Amino acid sequence: MFIETEGTPNPATLKFLPGREILGELTADFADADAALLSPLADALFGLPGVARVFLGGDFVTVTKTADAEWVALKPQVLGLLMEHLLNNRPIVNEHAQLLAEDVDPADAEIVAQIKELLDTRVRPAVAGDGGDIIFRGFRDGVVSLKMQGSCAGCPSSTATLKHGIENMLKHYIPEVLSVTQAA
């Protein structure tokens, strides 16, 4: 198995591409070791010294290092762990792991469908290219709630991307959208 690596706009994060599906259509962001208990793969990665965050995408894994860790030491450890985990067909996430519920007024179903379509076709592919994802979390009173994940979480340009790029695009195509906020 050959695993490619790519840099991301966040210098503390590397994107690992194993050439196979990780979560398919889903994504999962683990901000700490406690959250990673939902994923045997993320839990194992947090066992490496210097891992601060793990994001699982459709066909990639991004790992964010701590400030005191160096990629020259951490990268080979991550590559080895990923290779061993995937070659042995160990589970990526626990069977009963659940995603967070969305906060949506049922009366806004058509608007929410338009928002999700724009996010899926225009935003998520670009963000995934940088080793992250953006997840729809809700729409209430004209406010779209989104969660930046992976290398995009904590990236210096994430606020500008959210407010200037995504908010402007959504407001342009969907007049009911008044603003975009970062979900917790």
C-alpha atoms as a PDB file:
ATOM      1  CA  MET A   1       0.000   0.000   0.000  1.00  0.00           C
ATOM      2  CA  PHE A   2       1.291   3.412  -0.964  1.00  0.00           C
ATOM      3  CA  ILE A   3       0.008   6.427   0.983  1.00  0.00           C
ATOM      4  CA  GLU A   4       0.519   9.852  -0.557  1.00  0.00           C
ATOM      5  CA  THR A   5       0.789  12.984   1.561  1.00  0.00           C
ATOM      6  CA  GLU A   6      -0.119  16.556   0.734  1.00  0.00           C
ATOM      7  CA  GLY A   7       0.390  19.813   2.558  1.00  0.00           C
ATOM      8  CA  THR A   8      -2.630  21.923   3.441  1.00  0.00           C
ATOM      9  CA  PRO A   9      -3.100  25.675   3.957  1.00  0.00           C
ATOM     10  CA  ASN A  10      -2.709  24.938   7.665  1.00  0.00           C
ATOM     11  CA  PRO A  11       1.037  24.233   8.218  1.00  0.00           C
ATOM     12  CA  ALA A  12       0.244  22.150  11.302  1.00  0.00           C
ATOM     13  CA  THR A  13      -1.866  19.727   9.228  1.00  0.00           C
ATOM     14  CA  LEU A  14      -0.961  17.085   6.648  1.00  0.00           C
ATOM     15  CA  LYS A  15      -3.373  15.241   4.383  1.00  0.00           C
ATOM     16  CA  PHE A  16      -2.791  11.480   3.985  1.00  0.00           C
ATOM     17  CA  LEU A  17      -4.250   9.789   0.881  1.00  0.00           C
ATOM     18  CA  PRO A  18      -4.174   5.972   1.125  1.00  0.00           C
ATOM     19  CA  GLY A  19      -5.765   5.404  -2.288  1.00  0.00           C
ATOM     20  CA  ARG A  20      -8.883   3.819  -0.833  1.00  0.00           C
ATOM     21  CA  GLU A  21     -12.144   4.845   0.767  1.00  0.00           C
ATOM     22  CA  ILE A  22     -12.038   5.968   4.388  1.00  0.00           C
ATOM     23  CA  LEU A  23     -15.581   7.188   5.162  1.00  0.00           C
ATOM     24  CA  GLY A  24     -17.113   7.524   1.690  1.00  0.00           C
ATOM     25  CA  GLU A  25     -19.839  10.181   1.798  1.00  0.00           C
ATOM     26  CA  LEU A  26     -19.324  10.869   5.505  1.00  0.00           C
ATOM     27  CA  THR A  27     -16.713  12.820   7.441  1.00  0.00           C
ATOM     28  CA  ALA A  28     -15.708  12.835  11.086  1.00  0.00           C
ATOM     29  CA  ASP A  29     -13.658  15.391  12.989  1.00  0.00           C
ATOM     30  CA  PHE A  30     -11.959  14.484  16.271  1.00  0.00           C
ATOM     31  CA  ALA A  31     -10.684  17.507  18.177  1.00  0.00           C
ATOM     32  CA  ASP A  32      -9.261  15.467  21.060  1.00  0.00           C
ATOM     33  CA  ALA A  33      -8.536  11.954  22.250  1.00  0.00           C
ATOM     34  CA  ASP A  34     -11.858  11.687  24.134  1.00  0.00           C
ATOM     35  CA  ALA A  35     -13.875  12.338  20.964  1.00  0.00           C
ATOM     36  CA  ALA A  36     -11.699   9.830  19.101  1.00  0.00           C
ATOM     37  CA  LEU A  37     -13.117   6.958  21.124  1.00  0.00           C
ATOM     38  CA  LEU A  38     -15.821   6.773  18.427  1.00  0.00           C
ATOM     39  CA  SER A  39     -13.173   5.717  15.896  1.00  0.00           C
ATOM     40  CA  PRO A  40     -10.568   2.985  16.360  1.00  0.00           C
ATOM     41  CA  LEU A  41      -8.427   4.654  13.671  1.00  0.00           C
ATOM     42  CA  ALA A  42      -8.590   8.139  15.217  1.00  0.00           C
ATOM     43  CA  ASP A  43      -8.036   6.655  18.677  1.00  0.00           C
ATOM     44  CA  ALA A  44      -4.879   4.899  17.454  1.00  0.00           C
ATOM     45  CA  LEU A  45      -3.610   8.111  15.822  1.00  0.00           C
ATOM     46  CA  PHE A  46      -4.117  10.033  19.071  1.00  0.00           C
ATOM     47  CA  GLY A  47      -1.894   7.400  20.680  1.00  0.00           C
ATOM     48  CA  LEU A  48       1.033   8.874  18.756  1.00  0.00           C
ATOM     49  CA  PRO A  49       2.848  11.659  20.615  1.00  0.00           C
ATOM     50  CA  GLY A  50       2.303  14.982  18.875  1.00  0.00           C
ATOM     51  CA  VAL A  51      -1.159  14.366  17.353  1.00  0.00           C
ATOM     52  CA  ALA A  52      -3.561  17.203  18.212  1.00  0.00           C
ATOM     53  CA  ARG A  53      -6.519  16.573  15.858  1.00  0.00           C
ATOM     54  CA  VAL A  54      -7.707  13.917  13.396  1.00  0.00           C
ATOM     55  CA  PHE A  55     -10.157  14.340  10.541  1.00  0.00           C
ATOM     56  CA  LEU A  56     -11.503  11.454   8.477  1.00  0.00           C
ATOM     57  CA  GLY A  57     -12.758  12.276   4.981  1.00  0.00           C
ATOM     58  CA  GLY A  58     -14.167  10.299   2.109  1.00  0.00           C
ATOM     59  CA  ASP A  59     -10.805   9.033   0.866  1.00  0.00           C
ATOM     60  CA  PHE A  60      -8.286  10.780   3.089  1.00  0.00           C
ATOM     61  CA  VAL A  61      -7.165  11.384   6.664  1.00  0.00           C
ATOM     62  CA  THR A  62      -5.823  14.703   7.903  1.00  0.00           C
ATOM     63  CA  VAL A  63      -3.701  14.900  11.017  1.00  0.00           C
ATOM     64  CA  THR A  64      -2.916  18.103  12.872  1.00  0.00           C
ATOM     65  CA  LYS A  65       0.209  18.124  15.007  1.00  0.00           C
ATOM     66  CA  THR A  66       0.848  19.869  18.303  1.00  0.00           C
ATOM     67  CA  ALA A  67       3.012  23.003  18.300  1.00  0.00           C
ATOM     68  CA  ASP A  68       6.015  21.164  19.736  1.00  0.00           C
ATOM     69  CA  ALA A  69       5.862  18.204  17.323  1.00  0.00           C
ATOM     70  CA  GLU A  70       7.897  18.053  14.100  1.00  0.00           C
ATOM     71  CA  TRP A  71       6.591  16.461  10.904  1.00  0.00           C
ATOM     72  CA  VAL A  72       9.977  14.895  10.222  1.00  0.00           C
ATOM     73  CA  ALA A  73       9.393  12.605  13.241  1.00  0.00           C
ATOM     74  CA  LEU A  74       5.589  12.364  13.253  1.00  0.00           C
ATOM     75  CA  LYS A  75       4.888  11.773   9.545  1.00  0.00           C
ATOM     76  CA  PRO A  76       6.554   8.306   9.339  1.00  0.00           C
ATOM     77  CA  GLN A  77       4.711   7.222  12.483  1.00  0.00           C
ATOM     78  CA  VAL A  78       1.357   8.303  11.032  1.00  0.00           C
ATOM     79  CA  LEU A  79       2.127   6.584   7.712  1.00  0.00           C
ATOM     80  CA  GLY A  80       3.061   3.346   9.482  1.00  0.00           C
ATOM     81  CA  LEU A  81      -0.011   3.366  11.685  1.00  0.00           C
ATOM     82  CA  LEU A  82      -2.358   4.113   8.759  1.00  0.00           C
ATOM     83  CA  MET A  83      -0.805   1.382   6.642  1.00  0.00           C
ATOM     84  CA  GLU A  84      -1.006  -1.215   9.408  1.00  0.00           C
ATOM     85  CA  HIS A  85      -4.602  -0.255  10.337  1.00  0.00           C
ATOM     86  CA  LEU A  86      -5.890  -0.289   6.748  1.00  0.00           C
ATOM     87  CA  LEU A  87      -4.025  -3.415   5.585  1.00  0.00           C
ATOM     88  CA  ASN A  88      -5.475  -5.330   8.528  1.00  0.00           C
ATOM     89  CA  ASN A  89      -8.991  -4.083   7.658  1.00  0.00           C
ATOM     90  CA  ARG A  90      -9.573  -2.693  11.122  1.00  0.00           C
ATOM     91  CA  PRO A  91     -12.727  -0.589  11.533  1.00  0.00           C
ATOM     92  CA  ILE A  92     -12.499   3.124  10.770  1.00  0.00           C
ATOM     93  CA  VAL A  93     -15.382   4.155  13.053  1.00  0.00           C
ATOM     94  CA  ASN A  94     -17.344   2.232  15.644  1.00  0.00           C
ATOM     95  CA  GLU A  95     -20.460   0.556  14.383  1.00  0.00           C
ATOM     96  CA  HIS A  96     -22.772   2.717  16.511  1.00  0.00           C
ATOM     97  CA  ALA A  97     -21.096   6.118  16.045  1.00  0.00           C
ATOM     98  CA  GLN A  98     -23.677   8.805  15.289  1.00  0.00           C
ATOM     99  CA  LEU A  99     -23.460  12.196  13.613  1.00  0.00           C
ATOM    100  CA  LEU A 100     -24.786  15.357  15.237  1.00  0.00           C
ATOM    101  CA  ALA A 101     -28.381  16.319  14.493  1.00  0.00           C
ATOM    102  CA  GLU A 102     -29.160  19.368  12.368  1.00  0.00           C
ATOM    103  CA  ASP A 103     -31.062  22.379  13.743  1.00  0.00           C
ATOM    104  CA  VAL A 104     -33.633  23.087  11.035  1.00  0.00           C
ATOM    105  CA  ASP A 105     -37.203  24.375  10.983  1.00  0.00           C
ATOM    106  CA  PRO A 106     -39.197  21.845   8.910  1.00  0.00           C
ATOM    107  CA  ALA A 107     -40.885  24.776   7.134  1.00  0.00           C
ATOM    108  CA  ASP A 108     -37.477  25.694   5.653  1.00  0.00           C
ATOM    109  CA  ALA A 109     -36.910  22.300   3.999  1.00  0.00           C
ATOM    110  CA  GLU A 110     -36.709  23.734   0.462  1.00  0.00           C
ATOM    111  CA  ILE A 111     -34.206  26.450   1.478  1.00  0.00           C
ATOM    112  CA  VAL A 112     -32.120  23.901   3.388  1.00  0.00           C
ATOM    113  CA  ALA A 113     -32.030  21.659   0.306  1.00  0.00           C
ATOM    114  CA  GLN A 114     -30.734  24.599  -1.776  1.00  0.00           C
ATOM    115  CA  ILE A 115     -28.078  25.434   0.847  1.00  0.00           C
ATOM    116  CA  LYS A 116     -26.885  21.819   1.000  1.00  0.00           C
ATOM    117  CA  GLU A 117     -26.776  21.572  -2.799  1.00  0.00           C
ATOM    118  CA  LEU A 118     -24.574  24.673  -3.053  1.00  0.00           C
ATOM    119  CA  LEU A 119     -22.314  23.447  -0.254  1.00  0.00           C
ATOM    120  CA  ASP A 120     -21.980  19.990  -1.831  1.00  0.00           C
ATOM    121  CA  THR A 121     -21.290  21.220  -5.369  1.00  0.00           C
ATOM    122  CA  ARG A 122     -19.342  24.454  -4.882  1.00  0.00           C
ATOM    123  CA  VAL A 123     -17.769  24.481  -1.417  1.00  0.00           C
ATOM    124  CA  ARG A 124     -17.033  20.975  -0.146  1.00  0.00           C
ATOM    125  CA  PRO A 125     -14.911  19.877  -3.135  1.00  0.00           C
ATOM    126  CA  ALA A 126     -12.596  22.887  -2.720  1.00  0.00           C
ATOM    127  CA  VAL A 127     -12.370  22.482   1.042  1.00  0.00           C
ATOM    128  CA  ALA A 128     -11.736  18.721   0.685  1.00  0.00           C
ATOM    129  CA  GLY A 129      -8.863  19.554  -1.653  1.00  0.00           C
ATOM    130  CA  ASP A 130      -7.231  21.326   1.284  1.00  0.00           C
ATOM    131  CA  GLY A 131      -7.765  18.364   3.633  1.00  0.00           C
ATOM    132  CA  GLY A 132     -10.914  19.541   5.362  1.00  0.00           C
ATOM    133  CA  ASP A 133     -14.648  19.642   5.143  1.00  0.00           C
ATOM    134  CA  ILE A 134     -17.545  21.916   5.908  1.00  0.00           C
ATOM    135  CA  ILE A 135     -20.631  20.423   7.484  1.00  0.00           C
ATOM    136  CA  PHE A 136     -24.129  21.896   7.501  1.00  0.00           C
ATOM    137  CA  ARG A 137     -25.407  22.083  11.093  1.00  0.00           C
ATOM    138  CA  GLY A 138     -28.529  24.191  10.802  1.00  0.00           C
ATOM    139  CA  PHE A 139     -30.629  27.037   9.392  1.00  0.00           C
ATOM    140  CA  ARG A 140     -32.789  29.246  11.608  1.00  0.00           C
ATOM    141  CA  ASP A 141     -34.097  32.791  11.087  1.00  0.00           C
ATOM    142  CA  GLY A 142     -31.870  33.348   8.053  1.00  0.00           C
ATOM    143  CA  VAL A 143     -28.688  32.164   9.778  1.00  0.00           C
ATOM    144  CA  VAL A 144     -26.778  29.199   8.338  1.00  0.00           C
ATOM    145  CA  SER A 145     -24.693  27.288  10.873  1.00  0.00           C
ATOM    146  CA  LEU A 146     -21.646  25.476   9.451  1.00  0.00           C
ATOM    147  CA  LYS A 147     -18.816  23.527  11.033  1.00  0.00           C
ATOM    148  CA  MET A 148     -15.317  23.690   9.581  1.00  0.00           C
ATOM    149  CA  GLN A 149     -13.477  20.390  10.024  1.00  0.00           C
ATOM    150  CA  GLY A 150     -10.102  18.840   9.363  1.00  0.00           C
ATOM    151  CA  SER A 151      -7.317  21.165   8.288  1.00  0.00           C
ATOM    152  CA  CYS A 152      -9.902  23.956   7.962  1.00  0.00           C
ATOM    153  CA  ALA A 153     -10.653  23.921  11.692  1.00  0.00           C
ATOM    154  CA  GLY A 154      -8.258  26.421  13.200  1.00  0.00           C
ATOM    155  CA  CYS A 155      -6.792  27.448   9.850  1.00  0.00           C
ATOM    156  CA  PRO A 156      -5.888  31.160   9.871  1.00  0.00           C
ATOM    157  CA  SER A 157      -8.032  31.784   6.785  1.00  0.00           C
ATOM    158  CA  SER A 158     -11.107  29.799   7.908  1.00  0.00           C
ATOM    159  CA  THR A 159     -13.010  32.836   9.217  1.00  0.00           C
ATOM    160  CA  ALA A 160     -12.451  34.718   5.965  1.00  0.00           C
ATOM    161  CA  THR A 161     -13.523  31.652   3.972  1.00  0.00           C
ATOM    162  CA  LEU A 162     -16.675  31.308   6.044  1.00  0.00           C
ATOM    163  CA  LYS A 163     -17.723  34.956   6.172  1.00  0.00           C
ATOM    164  CA  HIS A 164     -16.518  36.356   2.870  1.00  0.00           C
ATOM    165  CA  GLY A 165     -16.556  33.377   0.555  1.00  0.00           C
ATOM    166  CA  ILE A 166     -19.330  31.055   1.672  1.00  0.00           C
ATOM    167  CA  GLU A 167     -21.645  33.664   3.188  1.00  0.00           C
ATOM    168  CA  ASN A 168     -21.473  35.892   0.095  1.00  0.00           C
ATOM    169  CA  MET A 169     -22.134  32.964  -2.232  1.00  0.00           C
ATOM    170  CA  LEU A 170     -25.114  31.687  -0.226  1.00  0.00           C
ATOM    171  CA  LYS A 171     -26.610  35.178   0.082  1.00  0.00           C
ATOM    172  CA  HIS A 172     -26.219  35.662  -3.684  1.00  0.00           C
ATOM    173  CA  TYR A 173     -28.092  32.483  -4.632  1.00  0.00           C
ATOM    174  CA  ILE A 174     -30.517  32.235  -1.700  1.00  0.00           C
ATOM    175  CA  PRO A 175     -32.018  35.574  -0.595  1.00  0.00           C
ATOM    176  CA  GLU A 176     -33.377  34.015   2.616  1.00  0.00           C
ATOM    177  CA  VAL A 177     -29.806  33.580   3.894  1.00  0.00           C
ATOM    178  CA  LEU A 178     -28.843  36.574   6.028  1.00  0.00           C
ATOM    179  CA  SER A 179     -25.572  35.350   7.523  1.00  0.00           C
ATOM    180  CA  VAL A 180     -23.322  32.345   8.148  1.00  0.00           C
ATOM    181  CA  THR A 181     -21.905  31.382  11.541  1.00  0.00           C
ATOM    182  CA  GLN A 182     -19.389  28.838  12.763  1.00  0.00           C
ATOM    183  CA  ALA A 183     -21.069  26.006  14.697  1.00  0.00           C
ATOM    184  CA  ALA A 184     -19.473  24.777  17.899  1.00  0.00           C
END
